[in-house]
Protein backbone atom coordinates (compact mmCIF):
# COMPACT_ATOMS: atom_id res chain seq x y z
CA UNK A 1 -0.69 14.60 -7.48
CA UNK A 2 0.33 14.80 -11.17
CA UNK A 3 -0.65 12.86 -13.94
CA UNK A 4 2.62 10.88 -13.43
CA UNK A 5 1.53 9.97 -10.03
CA UNK A 6 -2.08 9.14 -11.19
CA UNK A 7 -0.58 6.59 -13.47
CA UNK A 8 1.65 5.08 -10.65
CA UNK A 9 -1.49 5.14 -8.38
CA UNK A 10 -3.36 2.89 -10.88
CA UNK A 11 -0.15 0.78 -11.61
CA UNK A 12 0.06 0.28 -7.81
CA UNK A 13 -3.53 -1.07 -7.33
CA UNK A 14 -3.79 -3.20 -9.96
CA UNK A 15 -0.67 -5.12 -8.86
CA UNK A 16 -2.49 -5.09 -5.60
CA UNK A 17 -5.37 -6.59 -6.84
CA UNK A 18 -3.72 -9.83 -8.30
CA UNK A 19 -1.91 -10.46 -5.04
CA UNK A 20 -2.76 -14.20 -4.26
CA UNK A 21 -0.60 -14.86 -1.10
CA UNK A 22 1.13 -13.20 1.78
CA UNK A 23 4.47 -13.34 0.11
CA UNK A 24 3.62 -11.30 -2.70
CA UNK A 25 1.64 -9.16 -0.91
CA UNK A 26 4.67 -8.33 1.58
CA UNK A 27 7.12 -7.82 -1.34
CA UNK A 28 4.42 -5.38 -2.60
CA UNK A 29 4.08 -3.83 0.95
CA UNK A 30 7.70 -3.60 1.04
CA UNK A 31 8.23 -1.90 -2.26
CA UNK A 32 5.16 0.58 -1.65
CA UNK A 33 6.51 1.73 1.87
CA UNK A 34 10.22 2.50 0.16
CA UNK A 35 8.56 4.00 -2.34
CA UNK A 36 6.92 6.31 0.39
CA UNK A 37 10.33 6.73 1.94
CA UNK A 38 11.18 8.11 -0.77
CA UNK A 39 8.24 10.52 -1.52
CA UNK A 40 8.45 11.55 2.14
CA UNK A 41 12.02 12.15 1.69
CA UNK A 42 11.97 14.65 -1.37
CA UNK A 43 8.91 16.70 -0.19
CA UNK A 44 9.68 16.94 3.54
CA UNK A 45 13.46 17.00 2.90
CA UNK A 46 14.28 14.35 5.77
CA UNK A 47 14.14 10.90 6.11
CA UNK A 48 10.88 9.06 8.13
CA UNK A 49 12.11 6.20 10.18
CA UNK A 50 11.48 2.69 8.97
CA UNK A 51 8.94 2.07 11.26
CA UNK A 52 5.88 4.56 10.23
CA UNK A 53 7.16 4.31 7.01
CA UNK A 54 5.67 0.66 7.03
CA UNK A 55 3.02 1.87 9.46
CA UNK A 56 1.39 4.40 7.29
CA UNK A 57 0.76 2.26 4.56
CA UNK A 58 -0.54 -0.55 6.05
CA UNK A 59 -3.04 2.13 7.61
CA UNK A 60 -3.91 3.32 4.40
CA UNK A 61 -4.39 -0.58 3.42
CA UNK A 62 -6.46 -1.39 6.03
CA UNK A 63 -8.89 1.78 4.65
CA UNK A 64 -8.66 1.04 0.95
CA UNK A 65 -9.56 -2.67 2.31
CA UNK A 66 -12.56 -1.19 3.76
CA UNK A 67 -13.85 0.54 -0.05
CA UNK A 68 -17.34 -0.47 -1.32
CA UNK A 69 -15.70 -0.21 -4.32
CA UNK A 70 -13.03 -3.30 -3.74
CA UNK A 71 -15.02 -6.69 -4.99
CA UNK A 72 -16.03 -8.57 -1.82
CA UNK A 73 -13.72 -11.77 -2.97
CA UNK A 74 -10.93 -9.36 -3.08
CA UNK A 75 -11.51 -7.86 0.64
CA UNK A 76 -11.73 -11.68 1.79
CA UNK A 77 -8.18 -12.71 0.01
CA UNK A 78 -6.31 -9.42 1.16
CA UNK A 79 -7.51 -8.48 4.58
CA UNK A 80 -5.50 -11.47 5.87
CA UNK A 81 -2.47 -10.03 4.73
CA UNK A 82 -2.85 -6.81 6.61
CA UNK A 83 -0.30 -6.15 9.27
CA UNK A 84 -2.54 -4.25 11.39
CA UNK A 85 -5.24 -5.35 13.75
CA UNK A 86 -8.97 -5.40 12.20
């Protein structure tokens, strides 16, 4: 990931940490998945199906919520928004 990609990742996670409800999380996740689909198409030369384009970001978010660097209060808020089994 280049410098521009690093800045996008920082903005992405800053926005994630500010989310306070499921509707905001779902908007954030759908934008993240749309960005992922665009990245996949550019890198792989083909489209990723819609289902997997949501599944992979959801699994990533499950892992992110498990990081020790995520404050407990943030974890306790975000974990309820995930669309994967706990």
